[in-house]
Amino acid sequence: MPSKITAILVAHPGKSVELSEFLVGLAPHCRAEPGNLRWDVWRDNSNDHRYVIDELYRDVTAVEAHRASQHYQAYLSRVPELAERTAVIAEAVDVK
């Protein structure tokens, strides 16, 4: 069953451009993961300091592999200096 991660990052004052560049640079690494189905960065139209990372993985195992990756560990170590972060990991609800 697919797993979805939505991360919301609000850049610290003066860090918005640096955060944006960091996230854009992270995209190719995340997209190259075998279990990754989607990995996009969005900027909020009403607050240009707020970014949303929209991620979709094949399954929970792919999420675990993502979280064990070197680039995700680098993300975790760098993001606190750039932004406040909230993340939601969700699974699909069967709607018939």
N, C-alpha and C. Protein backbone atom coordinates (compact mmCIF):
# COMPACT_ATOMS: atom_id res chain seq x y z
N MET A 1 0.84 -1.17 0.00
CA MET A 1 0.00 0.00 0.00
C MET A 1 0.90 1.25 0.00
N PRO A 2 0.62 2.22 -0.85
CA PRO A 2 1.45 3.43 -0.92
C PRO A 2 1.47 4.20 0.40
N SER A 3 2.57 4.89 0.65
CA SER A 3 2.70 5.77 1.81
C SER A 3 3.01 7.16 1.33
N LYS A 4 2.37 8.14 1.95
CA LYS A 4 2.53 9.53 1.57
C LYS A 4 3.11 10.31 2.73
N ILE A 5 4.05 11.19 2.41
CA ILE A 5 4.61 12.10 3.40
C ILE A 5 4.37 13.51 2.91
N THR A 6 3.85 14.33 3.78
CA THR A 6 3.70 15.75 3.50
C THR A 6 4.47 16.48 4.59
N ALA A 7 5.48 17.22 4.18
CA ALA A 7 6.28 18.00 5.12
C ALA A 7 6.05 19.48 4.84
N ILE A 8 5.80 20.22 5.89
CA ILE A 8 5.62 21.67 5.78
C ILE A 8 6.80 22.32 6.49
N LEU A 9 7.49 23.17 5.75
CA LEU A 9 8.65 23.86 6.30
C LEU A 9 8.44 25.36 6.19
N VAL A 10 8.61 26.06 7.29
CA VAL A 10 8.52 27.51 7.31
C VAL A 10 9.93 28.04 7.58
N ALA A 11 10.47 28.73 6.60
CA ALA A 11 11.85 29.21 6.68
C ALA A 11 12.03 30.19 7.83
N HIS A 12 13.15 30.06 8.50
CA HIS A 12 13.52 31.05 9.51
C HIS A 12 13.81 32.37 8.79
N PRO A 13 13.69 33.49 9.50
CA PRO A 13 13.95 34.79 8.87
C PRO A 13 15.30 34.80 8.13
N GLY A 14 15.25 35.25 6.89
CA GLY A 14 16.45 35.36 6.07
C GLY A 14 16.95 34.05 5.48
N LYS A 15 16.21 32.97 5.68
CA LYS A 15 16.67 31.64 5.22
C LYS A 15 15.84 31.06 4.08
N SER A 16 14.87 31.80 3.56
CA SER A 16 13.96 31.25 2.57
C SER A 16 14.67 30.82 1.29
N VAL A 17 15.54 31.65 0.77
CA VAL A 17 16.24 31.31 -0.48
C VAL A 17 17.14 30.10 -0.25
N GLU A 18 17.84 30.08 0.86
CA GLU A 18 18.73 28.96 1.18
C GLU A 18 17.93 27.67 1.34
N LEU A 19 16.77 27.75 1.99
CA LEU A 19 15.91 26.57 2.15
C LEU A 19 15.44 26.08 0.79
N SER A 20 14.97 26.99 -0.04
CA SER A 20 14.50 26.62 -1.37
C SER A 20 15.59 25.92 -2.17
N GLU A 21 16.77 26.48 -2.19
CA GLU A 21 17.89 25.88 -2.92
C GLU A 21 18.25 24.51 -2.36
N PHE A 22 18.21 24.37 -1.06
CA PHE A 22 18.52 23.09 -0.43
C PHE A 22 17.50 22.03 -0.83
N LEU A 23 16.21 22.38 -0.79
CA LEU A 23 15.16 21.43 -1.14
C LEU A 23 15.22 21.04 -2.61
N VAL A 24 15.44 22.01 -3.47
CA VAL A 24 15.55 21.73 -4.91
C VAL A 24 16.74 20.80 -5.18
N GLY A 25 17.83 21.01 -4.47
CA GLY A 25 19.00 20.15 -4.62
C GLY A 25 18.79 18.74 -4.10
N LEU A 26 17.88 18.59 -3.16
CA LEU A 26 17.58 17.29 -2.58
C LEU A 26 16.70 16.44 -3.50
N ALA A 27 15.89 17.09 -4.31
CA ALA A 27 14.90 16.40 -5.14
C ALA A 27 15.48 15.27 -5.99
N PRO A 28 16.56 15.48 -6.75
CA PRO A 28 17.05 14.38 -7.60
C PRO A 28 17.45 13.13 -6.81
N HIS A 29 17.97 13.33 -5.61
CA HIS A 29 18.38 12.19 -4.78
C HIS A 29 17.16 11.39 -4.32
N CYS A 30 16.13 12.11 -3.87
CA CYS A 30 14.92 11.43 -3.40
C CYS A 30 14.18 10.77 -4.55
N ARG A 31 14.10 11.43 -5.67
CA ARG A 31 13.39 10.88 -6.82
C ARG A 31 14.09 9.63 -7.38
N ALA A 32 15.39 9.51 -7.15
CA ALA A 32 16.15 8.37 -7.65
C ALA A 32 15.99 7.11 -6.79
N GLU A 33 15.39 7.25 -5.63
CA GLU A 33 15.21 6.08 -4.76
C GLU A 33 14.27 5.08 -5.43
N PRO A 34 14.58 3.79 -5.35
CA PRO A 34 13.76 2.78 -6.04
C PRO A 34 12.29 2.79 -5.65
N GLY A 35 11.97 3.07 -4.41
CA GLY A 35 10.57 3.04 -3.95
C GLY A 35 9.85 4.36 -4.05
N ASN A 36 10.51 5.39 -4.59
CA ASN A 36 9.89 6.71 -4.68
C ASN A 36 9.02 6.80 -5.92
N LEU A 37 7.79 7.27 -5.73
CA LEU A 37 6.86 7.46 -6.84
C LEU A 37 6.69 8.95 -7.18
N ARG A 38 6.95 9.82 -6.19
CA ARG A 38 6.79 11.26 -6.41
C ARG A 38 7.52 12.01 -5.30
N TRP A 39 8.16 13.10 -5.68
CA TRP A 39 8.83 13.95 -4.69
C TRP A 39 8.88 15.36 -5.28
N ASP A 40 8.04 16.24 -4.77
CA ASP A 40 7.92 17.59 -5.31
C ASP A 40 8.02 18.63 -4.20
N VAL A 41 8.48 19.81 -4.57
CA VAL A 41 8.55 20.94 -3.66
C VAL A 41 7.56 21.99 -4.14
N TRP A 42 6.76 22.50 -3.22
CA TRP A 42 5.77 23.53 -3.51
C TRP A 42 6.03 24.72 -2.59
N ARG A 43 5.77 25.92 -3.08
CA ARG A 43 5.85 27.12 -2.24
C ARG A 43 4.44 27.67 -2.09
N ASP A 44 4.08 28.02 -0.87
CA ASP A 44 2.75 28.52 -0.55
C ASP A 44 2.53 29.89 -1.21
N ASN A 45 1.43 30.03 -1.95
CA ASN A 45 1.11 31.29 -2.61
C ASN A 45 0.85 32.43 -1.62
N SER A 46 0.38 32.10 -0.44
CA SER A 46 0.04 33.13 0.54
C SER A 46 1.17 33.45 1.51
N ASN A 47 2.24 32.63 1.48
CA ASN A 47 3.38 32.85 2.38
C ASN A 47 4.61 32.28 1.68
N ASP A 48 5.39 33.14 1.05
CA ASP A 48 6.52 32.64 0.25
C ASP A 48 7.70 32.15 1.08
N HIS A 49 7.52 32.07 2.40
CA HIS A 49 8.52 31.47 3.28
C HIS A 49 8.11 30.05 3.70
N ARG A 50 6.92 29.62 3.23
CA ARG A 50 6.41 28.29 3.59
C ARG A 50 6.48 27.38 2.37
N TYR A 51 7.11 26.22 2.57
CA TYR A 51 7.28 25.23 1.52
C TYR A 51 6.60 23.93 1.94
N VAL A 52 6.12 23.21 0.95
CA VAL A 52 5.51 21.91 1.19
C VAL A 52 6.25 20.89 0.34
N ILE A 53 6.71 19.83 0.98
CA ILE A 53 7.31 18.72 0.25
C ILE A 53 6.23 17.64 0.16
N ASP A 54 5.93 17.24 -1.07
CA ASP A 54 4.90 16.26 -1.36
C ASP A 54 5.60 14.99 -1.83
N GLU A 55 5.53 13.94 -1.02
CA GLU A 55 6.26 12.71 -1.30
C GLU A 55 5.29 11.52 -1.37
N LEU A 56 5.56 10.61 -2.27
CA LEU A 56 4.77 9.39 -2.37
C LEU A 56 5.72 8.23 -2.58
N TYR A 57 5.54 7.19 -1.77
CA TYR A 57 6.40 6.01 -1.82
C TYR A 57 5.57 4.76 -2.07
N ARG A 58 6.20 3.78 -2.65
CA ARG A 58 5.55 2.51 -3.00
C ARG A 58 4.90 1.86 -1.77
N ASP A 59 5.61 1.91 -0.63
CA ASP A 59 5.10 1.26 0.58
C ASP A 59 5.92 1.74 1.79
N VAL A 60 5.59 1.20 2.95
CA VAL A 60 6.27 1.58 4.19
C VAL A 60 7.76 1.22 4.12
N THR A 61 8.08 0.13 3.49
CA THR A 61 9.49 -0.28 3.35
C THR A 61 10.28 0.77 2.58
N ALA A 62 9.67 1.35 1.56
CA ALA A 62 10.33 2.40 0.78
C ALA A 62 10.52 3.66 1.63
N VAL A 63 9.57 3.97 2.49
CA VAL A 63 9.71 5.11 3.40
C VAL A 63 10.87 4.86 4.36
N GLU A 64 10.95 3.66 4.88
CA GLU A 64 12.05 3.31 5.79
C GLU A 64 13.40 3.43 5.09
N ALA A 65 13.47 2.98 3.84
CA ALA A 65 14.71 3.10 3.07
C ALA A 65 15.05 4.57 2.84
N HIS A 66 14.04 5.37 2.54
CA HIS A 66 14.25 6.82 2.37
C HIS A 66 14.83 7.42 3.64
N ARG A 67 14.24 7.08 4.77
CA ARG A 67 14.67 7.66 6.05
C ARG A 67 16.06 7.18 6.46
N ALA A 68 16.50 6.06 5.94
CA ALA A 68 17.84 5.54 6.24
C ALA A 68 18.89 6.09 5.27
N SER A 69 18.46 6.77 4.22
CA SER A 69 19.39 7.24 3.19
C SER A 69 20.30 8.36 3.72
N GLN A 70 21.45 8.47 3.11
CA GLN A 70 22.41 9.49 3.49
C GLN A 70 21.85 10.89 3.24
N HIS A 71 21.16 11.09 2.12
CA HIS A 71 20.63 12.42 1.82
C HIS A 71 19.51 12.82 2.78
N TYR A 72 18.71 11.85 3.26
CA TYR A 72 17.68 12.19 4.25
C TYR A 72 18.33 12.54 5.58
N GLN A 73 19.37 11.82 5.95
CA GLN A 73 20.07 12.14 7.20
C GLN A 73 20.70 13.53 7.13
N ALA A 74 21.23 13.90 5.96
CA ALA A 74 21.78 15.25 5.77
C ALA A 74 20.66 16.29 5.89
N TYR A 75 19.50 15.96 5.33
CA TYR A 75 18.33 16.84 5.44
C TYR A 75 17.97 17.07 6.90
N LEU A 76 17.89 15.99 7.67
CA LEU A 76 17.53 16.12 9.09
C LEU A 76 18.53 16.97 9.86
N SER A 77 19.79 16.87 9.51
CA SER A 77 20.79 17.64 10.25
C SER A 77 20.80 19.11 9.82
N ARG A 78 20.39 19.40 8.60
CA ARG A 78 20.45 20.77 8.08
C ARG A 78 19.17 21.57 8.29
N VAL A 79 18.02 20.94 8.19
CA VAL A 79 16.75 21.66 8.23
C VAL A 79 16.54 22.49 9.50
N PRO A 80 16.91 22.03 10.68
CA PRO A 80 16.64 22.86 11.86
C PRO A 80 17.26 24.27 11.80
N GLU A 81 18.37 24.42 11.12
CA GLU A 81 18.97 25.75 11.00
C GLU A 81 18.25 26.61 9.95
N LEU A 82 17.47 25.97 9.09
CA LEU A 82 16.80 26.67 8.00
C LEU A 82 15.32 26.94 8.23
N ALA A 83 14.64 26.03 8.97
CA ALA A 83 13.18 26.14 9.03
C ALA A 83 12.59 25.38 10.21
N GLU A 84 11.34 25.72 10.51
CA GLU A 84 10.50 24.91 11.39
C GLU A 84 9.86 23.86 10.50
N ARG A 85 9.77 22.63 10.98
CA ARG A 85 9.31 21.53 10.14
C ARG A 85 8.20 20.73 10.83
N THR A 86 7.17 20.43 10.07
CA THR A 86 6.11 19.53 10.49
C THR A 86 5.95 18.48 9.39
N ALA A 87 5.87 17.23 9.77
CA ALA A 87 5.71 16.17 8.77
C ALA A 87 4.58 15.24 9.16
N VAL A 88 3.83 14.81 8.15
CA VAL A 88 2.75 13.86 8.33
C VAL A 88 3.01 12.67 7.42
N ILE A 89 3.00 11.47 7.99
CA ILE A 89 3.12 10.25 7.20
C ILE A 89 1.73 9.63 7.18
N ALA A 90 1.21 9.38 5.99
CA ALA A 90 -0.16 8.92 5.87
C ALA A 90 -0.25 7.68 4.97
N GLU A 91 -1.30 6.92 5.19
CA GLU A 91 -1.59 5.81 4.30
C GLU A 91 -2.95 6.05 3.67
N ALA A 92 -3.15 5.46 2.52
CA ALA A 92 -4.38 5.67 1.77
C ALA A 92 -5.58 5.07 2.51
N VAL A 93 -6.70 5.75 2.42
CA VAL A 93 -7.96 5.25 2.93
C VAL A 93 -8.71 4.69 1.73
N ASP A 94 -9.17 3.46 1.85
CA ASP A 94 -9.88 2.82 0.74
C ASP A 94 -11.25 3.47 0.59
N VAL A 95 -11.44 4.16 -0.50
CA VAL A 95 -12.72 4.83 -0.79
C VAL A 95 -13.34 4.12 -1.98
N LYS A 96 -14.50 3.55 -1.74
CA LYS A 96 -15.17 2.79 -2.82
C LYS A 96 -16.46 3.46 -3.20
